[in-house]
Amino acid sequence: MHYFELRNLLHFILYLLPAVLGIIVLAVSLSGTYFRSKDSEKRMQEVHTTYVDGIEEREAPFPLTLILIIAGTLLWTFLYIIYYGVLEIKL
């Protein structure tokens, strides 16, 4: 039991938010989505290079999951620098 009920709500949100974001990123990655262009289907099917043992290389579009992970990392880095470095806030 806490003195302030808002503290319970904040802890709940801080535990729930990363879990929900993780589930969303996992669902997007398993769905295999990517930004579609006019030639993206052709690029997914066309074999660019064939290596030994039947390994084939394609010029597939960049996956949306990696874009989300890179954008999230850059956003977190930027906000960390702002909060910690500029405003001198202890995290």
PDB file of N, CA and C in Angstrom:
ATOM      1  N   MET A   1       0.847  -1.185   0.000  1.00  0.00           N
ATOM      2  CA  MET A   1       0.000   0.000   0.000  1.00  0.00           C
ATOM      3  C   MET A   1       0.887   1.241   0.000  1.00  0.00           C
ATOM      4  N   HIS A   2       0.658   2.081  -0.958  1.00  0.00           N
ATOM      5  CA  HIS A   2       1.426   3.317  -1.072  1.00  0.00           C
ATOM      6  C   HIS A   2       0.596   4.482  -0.546  1.00  0.00           C
ATOM      7  N   TYR A   3       1.291   5.523  -0.166  1.00  0.00           N
ATOM      8  CA  TYR A   3       0.592   6.718   0.298  1.00  0.00           C
ATOM      9  C   TYR A   3      -0.133   7.424  -0.839  1.00  0.00           C
ATOM     10  N   PHE A   4       0.411   7.309  -2.027  1.00  0.00           N
ATOM     11  CA  PHE A   4      -0.185   7.981  -3.166  1.00  0.00           C
ATOM     12  C   PHE A   4      -0.642   6.933  -4.180  1.00  0.00           C
ATOM     13  N   GLU A   5      -1.906   6.967  -4.539  1.00  0.00           N
ATOM     14  CA  GLU A   5      -2.443   5.996  -5.483  1.00  0.00           C
ATOM     15  C   GLU A   5      -1.864   6.181  -6.882  1.00  0.00           C
ATOM     16  N   LEU A   6      -1.441   7.376  -7.209  1.00  0.00           N
ATOM     17  CA  LEU A   6      -0.868   7.641  -8.522  1.00  0.00           C
ATOM     18  C   LEU A   6       0.414   6.840  -8.743  1.00  0.00           C
ATOM     19  N   ARG A   7       1.140   6.575  -7.670  1.00  0.00           N
ATOM     20  CA  ARG A   7       2.371   5.796  -7.789  1.00  0.00           C
ATOM     21  C   ARG A   7       2.069   4.391  -8.293  1.00  0.00           C
ATOM     22  N   ASN A   8       0.991   3.786  -7.830  1.00  0.00           N
ATOM     23  CA  ASN A   8       0.600   2.469  -8.321  1.00  0.00           C
ATOM     24  C   ASN A   8       0.286   2.517  -9.812  1.00  0.00           C
ATOM     25  N   LEU A   9      -0.418   3.546 -10.246  1.00  0.00           N
ATOM     26  CA  LEU A   9      -0.772   3.701 -11.651  1.00  0.00           C
ATOM     27  C   LEU A   9       0.475   3.897 -12.512  1.00  0.00           C
ATOM     28  N   LEU A  10       1.419   4.696 -12.041  1.00  0.00           N
ATOM     29  CA  LEU A  10       2.645   4.926 -12.792  1.00  0.00           C
ATOM     30  C   LEU A  10       3.459   3.644 -12.929  1.00  0.00           C
ATOM     31  N   HIS A  11       3.550   2.875 -11.869  1.00  0.00           N
ATOM     32  CA  HIS A  11       4.272   1.605 -11.954  1.00  0.00           C
ATOM     33  C   HIS A  11       3.581   0.655 -12.926  1.00  0.00           C
ATOM     34  N   PHE A  12       2.276   0.625 -12.903  1.00  0.00           N
ATOM     35  CA  PHE A  12       1.519  -0.232 -13.816  1.00  0.00           C
ATOM     36  C   PHE A  12       1.778   0.166 -15.267  1.00  0.00           C
ATOM     37  N   ILE A  13       1.760   1.461 -15.531  1.00  0.00           N
ATOM     38  CA  ILE A  13       1.998   1.944 -16.898  1.00  0.00           C
ATOM     39  C   ILE A  13       3.440   1.653 -17.322  1.00  0.00           C
ATOM     40  N   LEU A  14       4.395   1.848 -16.415  1.00  0.00           N
ATOM     41  CA  LEU A  14       5.794   1.595 -16.755  1.00  0.00           C
ATOM     42  C   LEU A  14       6.073   0.113 -16.983  1.00  0.00           C
ATOM     43  N   TYR A  15       5.319  -0.768 -16.371  1.00  0.00           N
ATOM     44  CA  TYR A  15       5.473  -2.199 -16.629  1.00  0.00           C
ATOM     45  C   TYR A  15       4.726  -2.619 -17.888  1.00  0.00           C
ATOM     46  N   LEU A  16       3.583  -2.000 -18.136  1.00  0.00           N
ATOM     47  CA  LEU A  16       2.734  -2.405 -19.241  1.00  0.00           C
ATOM     48  C   LEU A  16       3.242  -1.881 -20.584  1.00  0.00           C
ATOM     49  N   LEU A  17       3.741  -0.661 -20.622  1.00  0.00           N
ATOM     50  CA  LEU A  17       4.146  -0.045 -21.880  1.00  0.00           C
ATOM     51  C   LEU A  17       5.254  -0.821 -22.611  1.00  0.00           C
ATOM     52  N   PRO A  18       6.350  -1.207 -21.963  1.00  0.00           N
ATOM     53  CA  PRO A  18       7.359  -1.987 -22.704  1.00  0.00           C
ATOM     54  C   PRO A  18       6.830  -3.345 -23.173  1.00  0.00           C
ATOM     55  N   ALA A  19       5.959  -3.953 -22.388  1.00  0.00           N
ATOM     56  CA  ALA A  19       5.400  -5.242 -22.790  1.00  0.00           C
ATOM     57  C   ALA A  19       4.537  -5.092 -24.035  1.00  0.00           C
ATOM     58  N   VAL A  20       3.697  -4.080 -24.069  1.00  0.00           N
ATOM     59  CA  VAL A  20       2.830  -3.855 -25.231  1.00  0.00           C
ATOM     60  C   VAL A  20       3.665  -3.494 -26.452  1.00  0.00           C
ATOM     61  N   LEU A  21       4.655  -2.633 -26.276  1.00  0.00           N
ATOM     62  CA  LEU A  21       5.517  -2.276 -27.402  1.00  0.00           C
ATOM     63  C   LEU A  21       6.295  -3.491 -27.912  1.00  0.00           C
ATOM     64  N   GLY A  22       6.746  -4.344 -27.014  1.00  0.00           N
ATOM     65  CA  GLY A  22       7.437  -5.561 -27.418  1.00  0.00           C
ATOM     66  C   GLY A  22       6.536  -6.499 -28.203  1.00  0.00           C
ATOM     67  N   ILE A  23       5.292  -6.625 -27.779  1.00  0.00           N
ATOM     68  CA  ILE A  23       4.331  -7.473 -28.496  1.00  0.00           C
ATOM     69  C   ILE A  23       4.052  -6.905 -29.881  1.00  0.00           C
ATOM     70  N   ILE A  24       3.929  -5.588 -29.990  1.00  0.00           N
ATOM     71  CA  ILE A  24       3.667  -4.963 -31.287  1.00  0.00           C
ATOM     72  C   ILE A  24       4.854  -5.170 -32.232  1.00  0.00           C
ATOM     73  N   VAL A  25       6.075  -4.974 -31.728  1.00  0.00           N
ATOM     74  CA  VAL A  25       7.263  -5.169 -32.572  1.00  0.00           C
ATOM     75  C   VAL A  25       7.379  -6.630 -32.990  1.00  0.00           C
ATOM     76  N   LEU A  26       7.088  -7.556 -32.076  1.00  0.00           N
ATOM     77  CA  LEU A  26       7.129  -8.979 -32.416  1.00  0.00           C
ATOM     78  C   LEU A  26       6.084  -9.318 -33.473  1.00  0.00           C
ATOM     79  N   ALA A  27       4.876  -8.782 -33.337  1.00  0.00           N
ATOM     80  CA  ALA A  27       3.822  -9.054 -34.317  1.00  0.00           C
ATOM     81  C   ALA A  27       4.184  -8.494 -35.685  1.00  0.00           C
ATOM     82  N   VAL A  28       4.757  -7.303 -35.717  1.00  0.00           N
ATOM     83  CA  VAL A  28       5.155  -6.712 -36.993  1.00  0.00           C
ATOM     84  C   VAL A  28       6.279  -7.525 -37.626  1.00  0.00           C
ATOM     85  N   SER A  29       7.224  -7.982 -36.803  1.00  0.00           N
ATOM     86  CA  SER A  29       8.337  -8.753 -37.360  1.00  0.00           C
ATOM     87  C   SER A  29       7.882 -10.111 -37.874  1.00  0.00           C
ATOM     88  N   LEU A  30       6.936 -10.741 -37.196  1.00  0.00           N
ATOM     89  CA  LEU A  30       6.453 -12.035 -37.661  1.00  0.00           C
ATOM     90  C   LEU A  30       5.569 -11.915 -38.900  1.00  0.00           C
ATOM     91  N   SER A  31       4.949 -10.768 -39.080  1.00  0.00           N
ATOM     92  CA  SER A  31       4.102 -10.600 -40.254  1.00  0.00           C
ATOM     93  C   SER A  31       4.926 -10.348 -41.513  1.00  0.00           C
ATOM     94  N   GLY A  32       6.185  -9.990 -41.340  1.00  0.00           N
ATOM     95  CA  GLY A  32       7.068  -9.782 -42.490  1.00  0.00           C
ATOM     96  C   GLY A  32       6.695  -8.563 -43.315  1.00  0.00           C
ATOM     97  N   THR A  33       6.234  -7.516 -42.671  1.00  0.00           N
ATOM     98  CA  THR A  33       5.826  -6.328 -43.406  1.00  0.00           C
ATOM     99  C   THR A  33       7.036  -5.491 -43.799  1.00  0.00           C
ATOM    100  N   TYR A  34       6.851  -4.741 -44.845  1.00  0.00           N
ATOM    101  CA  TYR A  34       7.865  -3.825 -45.339  1.00  0.00           C
ATOM    102  C   TYR A  34       7.143  -2.736 -46.122  1.00  0.00           C
ATOM    103  N   PHE A  35       7.841  -1.647 -46.380  1.00  0.00           N
ATOM    104  CA  PHE A  35       7.252  -0.585 -47.186  1.00  0.00           C
ATOM    105  C   PHE A  35       7.196  -1.039 -48.633  1.00  0.00           C
ATOM    106  N   ARG A  36       6.020  -1.036 -49.184  1.00  0.00           N
ATOM    107  CA  ARG A  36       5.830  -1.529 -50.544  1.00  0.00           C
ATOM    108  C   ARG A  36       6.076  -0.417 -51.562  1.00  0.00           C
ATOM    109  N   SER A  37       6.750  -0.811 -52.629  1.00  0.00           N
ATOM    110  CA  SER A  37       6.968   0.099 -53.747  1.00  0.00           C
ATOM    111  C   SER A  37       6.469  -0.594 -55.005  1.00  0.00           C
ATOM    112  N   LYS A  38       6.650   0.061 -56.124  1.00  0.00           N
ATOM    113  CA  LYS A  38       6.110  -0.513 -57.360  1.00  0.00           C
ATOM    114  C   LYS A  38       6.812  -1.806 -57.773  1.00  0.00           C
ATOM    115  N   ASP A  39       8.080  -1.979 -57.355  1.00  0.00           N
ATOM    116  CA  ASP A  39       8.805  -3.183 -57.751  1.00  0.00           C
ATOM    117  C   ASP A  39       9.148  -4.102 -56.576  1.00  0.00           C
ATOM    118  N   SER A  40       8.492  -3.921 -55.422  1.00  0.00           N
ATOM    119  CA  SER A  40       8.864  -4.711 -54.254  1.00  0.00           C
ATOM    120  C   SER A  40       8.521  -6.193 -54.410  1.00  0.00           C
ATOM    121  N   GLU A  41       7.413  -6.527 -55.059  1.00  0.00           N
ATOM    122  CA  GLU A  41       7.074  -7.937 -55.268  1.00  0.00           C
ATOM    123  C   GLU A  41       8.066  -8.609 -56.203  1.00  0.00           C
ATOM    124  N   LYS A  42       8.487  -7.894 -57.232  1.00  0.00           N
ATOM    125  CA  LYS A  42       9.471  -8.441 -58.161  1.00  0.00           C
ATOM    126  C   LYS A  42      10.807  -8.665 -57.456  1.00  0.00           C
ATOM    127  N   ARG A  43      11.196  -7.730 -56.583  1.00  0.00           N
ATOM    128  CA  ARG A  43      12.446  -7.859 -55.845  1.00  0.00           C
ATOM    129  C   ARG A  43      12.407  -9.021 -54.861  1.00  0.00           C
ATOM    130  N   MET A  44      11.237  -9.338 -54.309  1.00  0.00           N
ATOM    131  CA  MET A  44      11.122 -10.471 -53.385  1.00  0.00           C
ATOM    132  C   MET A  44      11.270 -11.801 -54.113  1.00  0.00           C
ATOM    133  N   GLN A  45      10.874 -11.868 -55.377  1.00  0.00           N
ATOM    134  CA  GLN A  45      10.895 -13.117 -56.127  1.00  0.00           C
ATOM    135  C   GLN A  45      12.163 -13.315 -56.951  1.00  0.00           C
ATOM    136  N   GLU A  46      12.722 -12.245 -57.464  1.00  0.00           N
ATOM    137  CA  GLU A  46      13.860 -12.331 -58.378  1.00  0.00           C
ATOM    138  C   GLU A  46      15.145 -12.698 -57.628  1.00  0.00           C
ATOM    139  N   VAL A  47      15.818 -13.743 -58.078  1.00  0.00           N
ATOM    140  CA  VAL A  47      17.070 -14.185 -57.467  1.00  0.00           C
ATOM    141  C   VAL A  47      18.210 -13.370 -58.058  1.00  0.00           C
ATOM    142  N   HIS A  48      18.965 -12.748 -57.198  1.00  0.00           N
ATOM    143  CA  HIS A  48      20.078 -11.888 -57.624  1.00  0.00           C
ATOM    144  C   HIS A  48      21.345 -12.710 -57.836  1.00  0.00           C
ATOM    145  N   THR A  49      21.694 -13.550 -56.861  1.00  0.00           N
ATOM    146  CA  THR A  49      22.900 -14.363 -56.929  1.00  0.00           C
ATOM    147  C   THR A  49      22.604 -15.732 -56.319  1.00  0.00           C
ATOM    148  N   THR A  50      23.169 -16.781 -56.890  1.00  0.00           N
ATOM    149  CA  THR A  50      23.038 -18.132 -56.339  1.00  0.00           C
ATOM    150  C   THR A  50      24.421 -18.616 -55.915  1.00  0.00           C
ATOM    151  N   TYR A  51      24.510 -19.048 -54.658  1.00  0.00           N
ATOM    152  CA  TYR A  51      25.765 -19.524 -54.107  1.00  0.00           C
ATOM    153  C   TYR A  51      25.777 -21.061 -54.063  1.00  0.00           C
ATOM    154  N   VAL A  52      26.872 -21.609 -53.556  1.00  0.00           N
ATOM    155  CA  VAL A  52      27.019 -23.050 -53.429  1.00  0.00           C
ATOM    156  C   VAL A  52      25.952 -23.588 -52.470  1.00  0.00           C
ATOM    157  N   ASP A  53      25.513 -24.806 -52.670  1.00  0.00           N
ATOM    158  CA  ASP A  53      24.503 -25.489 -51.858  1.00  0.00           C
ATOM    159  C   ASP A  53      23.118 -24.865 -51.996  1.00  0.00           C
ATOM    160  N   GLY A  54      22.870 -24.147 -53.065  1.00  0.00           N
ATOM    161  CA  GLY A  54      21.534 -23.636 -53.346  1.00  0.00           C
ATOM    162  C   GLY A  54      21.122 -22.415 -52.555  1.00  0.00           C
ATOM    163  N   ILE A  55      22.047 -21.713 -51.935  1.00  0.00           N
ATOM    164  CA  ILE A  55      21.713 -20.489 -51.209  1.00  0.00           C
ATOM    165  C   ILE A  55      21.503 -19.380 -52.229  1.00  0.00           C
ATOM    166  N   GLU A  56      20.334 -18.731 -52.151  1.00  0.00           N
ATOM    167  CA  GLU A  56      19.991 -17.685 -53.106  1.00  0.00           C
ATOM    168  C   GLU A  56      19.923 -16.329 -52.415  1.00  0.00           C
ATOM    169  N   GLU A  57      20.378 -15.303 -53.113  1.00  0.00           N
ATOM    170  CA  GLU A  57      20.371 -13.945 -52.584  1.00  0.00           C
ATOM    171  C   GLU A  57      19.366 -13.117 -53.365  1.00  0.00           C
ATOM    172  N   ARG A  58      18.566 -12.360 -52.631  1.00  0.00           N
ATOM    173  CA  ARG A  58      17.588 -11.461 -53.249  1.00  0.00           C
ATOM    174  C   ARG A  58      17.805 -10.053 -52.731  1.00  0.00           C
ATOM    175  N   GLU A  59      17.363  -9.077 -53.476  1.00  0.00           N
ATOM    176  CA  GLU A  59      17.406  -7.690 -53.030  1.00  0.00           C
ATOM    177  C   GLU A  59      16.037  -7.323 -52.476  1.00  0.00           C
ATOM    178  N   ALA A  60      15.713  -7.907 -51.339  1.00  0.00           N
ATOM    179  CA  ALA A  60      14.403  -7.708 -50.734  1.00  0.00           C
ATOM    180  C   ALA A  60      14.314  -6.324 -50.086  1.00  0.00           C
ATOM    181  N   PRO A  61      13.095  -5.793 -49.933  1.00  0.00           N
ATOM    182  CA  PRO A  61      12.928  -4.500 -49.264  1.00  0.00           C
ATOM    183  C   PRO A  61      13.353  -4.570 -47.793  1.00  0.00           C
ATOM    184  N   PHE A  62      13.689  -3.431 -47.223  1.00  0.00           N
ATOM    185  CA  PHE A  62      14.128  -3.348 -45.829  1.00  0.00           C
ATOM    186  C   PHE A  62      12.938  -3.613 -44.906  1.00  0.00           C
ATOM    187  N   PRO A  63      13.061  -4.525 -43.930  1.00  0.00           N
ATOM    188  CA  PRO A  63      11.933  -4.866 -43.065  1.00  0.00           C
ATOM    189  C   PRO A  63      11.506  -3.711 -42.165  1.00  0.00           C
ATOM    190  N   LEU A  64      10.209  -3.607 -41.964  1.00  0.00           N
ATOM    191  CA  LEU A  64       9.648  -2.538 -41.135  1.00  0.00           C
ATOM    192  C   LEU A  64      10.095  -2.673 -39.686  1.00  0.00           C
ATOM    193  N   THR A  65      10.286  -3.892 -39.213  1.00  0.00           N
ATOM    194  CA  THR A  65      10.701  -4.103 -37.827  1.00  0.00           C
ATOM    195  C   THR A  65      12.058  -3.461 -37.556  1.00  0.00           C
ATOM    196  N   LEU A  66      12.991  -3.625 -38.472  1.00  0.00           N
ATOM    197  CA  LEU A  66      14.306  -3.022 -38.277  1.00  0.00           C
ATOM    198  C   LEU A  66      14.228  -1.500 -38.316  1.00  0.00           C
ATOM    199  N   ILE A  67      13.348  -0.961 -39.144  1.00  0.00           N
ATOM    200  CA  ILE A  67      13.155   0.491 -39.177  1.00  0.00           C
ATOM    201  C   ILE A  67      12.631   0.982 -37.835  1.00  0.00           C
ATOM    202  N   LEU A  68      11.659   0.253 -37.247  1.00  0.00           N
ATOM    203  CA  LEU A  68      11.112   0.632 -35.942  1.00  0.00           C
ATOM    204  C   LEU A  68      12.160   0.533 -34.841  1.00  0.00           C
ATOM    205  N   ILE A  69      12.976  -0.506 -34.855  1.00  0.00           N
ATOM    206  CA  ILE A  69      14.004  -0.669 -33.830  1.00  0.00           C
ATOM    207  C   ILE A  69      15.064   0.419 -33.944  1.00  0.00           C
ATOM    208  N   ILE A  70      15.493   0.732 -35.155  1.00  0.00           N
ATOM    209  CA  ILE A  70      16.498   1.781 -35.352  1.00  0.00           C
ATOM    210  C   ILE A  70      15.930   3.142 -34.970  1.00  0.00           C
ATOM    211  N   ALA A  71      14.689   3.421 -35.372  1.00  0.00           N
ATOM    212  CA  ALA A  71      14.070   4.706 -35.026  1.00  0.00           C
ATOM    213  C   ALA A  71      13.878   4.831 -33.517  1.00  0.00           C
ATOM    214  N   GLY A  72      13.476   3.762 -32.860  1.00  0.00           N
ATOM    215  CA  GLY A  72      13.314   3.790 -31.402  1.00  0.00           C
ATOM    216  C   GLY A  72      14.632   4.007 -30.684  1.00  0.00           C
ATOM    217  N   THR A  73      15.685   3.382 -31.180  1.00  0.00           N
ATOM    218  CA  THR A  73      17.003   3.566 -30.576  1.00  0.00           C
ATOM    219  C   THR A  73      17.482   5.001 -30.740  1.00  0.00           C
ATOM    220  N   LEU A  74      17.295   5.561 -31.919  1.00  0.00           N
ATOM    221  CA  LEU A  74      17.705   6.949 -32.153  1.00  0.00           C
ATOM    222  C   LEU A  74      16.884   7.918 -31.304  1.00  0.00           C
ATOM    223  N   LEU A  75      15.577   7.676 -31.189  1.00  0.00           N
ATOM    224  CA  LEU A  75      14.719   8.531 -30.364  1.00  0.00           C
ATOM    225  C   LEU A  75      15.128   8.451 -28.900  1.00  0.00           C
ATOM    226  N   TRP A  76      15.369   7.221 -28.402  1.00  0.00           N
ATOM    227  CA  TRP A  76      15.787   7.051 -27.017  1.00  0.00           C
ATOM    228  C   TRP A  76      17.113   7.767 -26.767  1.00  0.00           C
ATOM    229  N   THR A  77      18.057   7.643 -27.691  1.00  0.00           N
ATOM    230  CA  THR A  77      19.359   8.295 -27.544  1.00  0.00           C
ATOM    231  C   THR A  77      19.215   9.807 -27.496  1.00  0.00           C
ATOM    232  N   PHE A  78      18.396  10.339 -28.394  1.00  0.00           N
ATOM    233  CA  PHE A  78      18.186  11.786 -28.426  1.00  0.00           C
ATOM    234  C   PHE A  78      17.546  12.278 -27.125  1.00  0.00           C
ATOM    235  N   LEU A  79      16.498  11.597 -26.670  1.00  0.00           N
ATOM    236  CA  LEU A  79      15.829  12.010 -25.432  1.00  0.00           C
ATOM    237  C   LEU A  79      16.743  11.843 -24.216  1.00  0.00           C
ATOM    238  N   TYR A  80      17.560  10.804 -24.204  1.00  0.00           N
ATOM    239  CA  TYR A  80      18.501  10.600 -23.100  1.00  0.00           C
ATOM    240  C   TYR A  80      19.502  11.741 -23.046  1.00  0.00           C
ATOM    241  N   ILE A  81      20.017  12.153 -24.196  1.00  0.00           N
ATOM    242  CA  ILE A  81      20.971  13.261 -24.222  1.00  0.00           C
ATOM    243  C   ILE A  81      20.302  14.546 -23.748  1.00  0.00           C
ATOM    244  N   ILE A  82      19.084  14.775 -24.185  1.00  0.00           N
ATOM    245  CA  ILE A  82      18.371  15.991 -23.780  1.00  0.00           C
ATOM    246  C   ILE A  82      18.114  15.997 -22.275  1.00  0.00           C
ATOM    247  N   TYR A  83      17.519  14.919 -21.758  1.00  0.00           N
ATOM    248  CA  TYR A  83      17.158  14.889 -20.339  1.00  0.00           C
ATOM    249  C   TYR A  83      18.373  14.846 -19.431  1.00  0.00           C
ATOM    250  N   TYR A  84      19.327  14.022 -19.742  1.00  0.00           N
ATOM    251  CA  TYR A  84      20.458  13.836 -18.846  1.00  0.00           C
ATOM    252  C   TYR A  84      21.534  14.894 -19.040  1.00  0.00           C
ATOM    253  N   GLY A  85      21.847  15.197 -20.292  1.00  0.00           N
ATOM    254  CA  GLY A  85      22.957  16.112 -20.558  1.00  0.00           C
ATOM    255  C   GLY A  85      22.598  17.580 -20.456  1.00  0.00           C
ATOM    256  N   VAL A  86      21.555  17.957 -21.117  1.00  0.00           N
ATOM    257  CA  VAL A  86      21.217  19.378 -21.179  1.00  0.00           C
ATOM    258  C   VAL A  86      20.491  19.852 -19.934  1.00  0.00           C
ATOM    259  N   LEU A  87      19.462  19.121 -19.517  1.00  0.00           N
ATOM    260  CA  LEU A  87      18.668  19.551 -18.365  1.00  0.00           C
ATOM    261  C   LEU A  87      19.239  19.094 -17.034  1.00  0.00           C
ATOM    262  N   GLU A  88      20.306  18.293 -17.049  1.00  0.00           N
ATOM    263  CA  GLU A  88      20.973  17.797 -15.842  1.00  0.00           C
ATOM    264  C   GLU A  88      20.004  17.107 -14.891  1.00  0.00           C
ATOM    265  N   ILE A  89      19.142  16.277 -15.446  1.00  0.00           N
ATOM    266  CA  ILE A  89      18.182  15.529 -14.631  1.00  0.00           C
ATOM    267  C   ILE A  89      18.774  14.162 -14.343  1.00  0.00           C
ATOM    268  N   LYS A  90      18.752  13.747 -13.098  1.00  0.00           N
ATOM    269  CA  LYS A  90      19.256  12.423 -12.720  1.00  0.00           C
ATOM    270  C   LYS A  90      18.178  11.391 -13.005  1.00  0.00           C
ATOM    271  N   LEU A  91      18.524  10.383 -13.803  1.00  0.00           N
ATOM    272  CA  LEU A  91      17.567   9.333 -14.125  1.00  0.00           C
ATOM    273  C   LEU A  91      17.668   8.188 -13.163  1.00  0.00           C
TER     274      LEU A  91
END
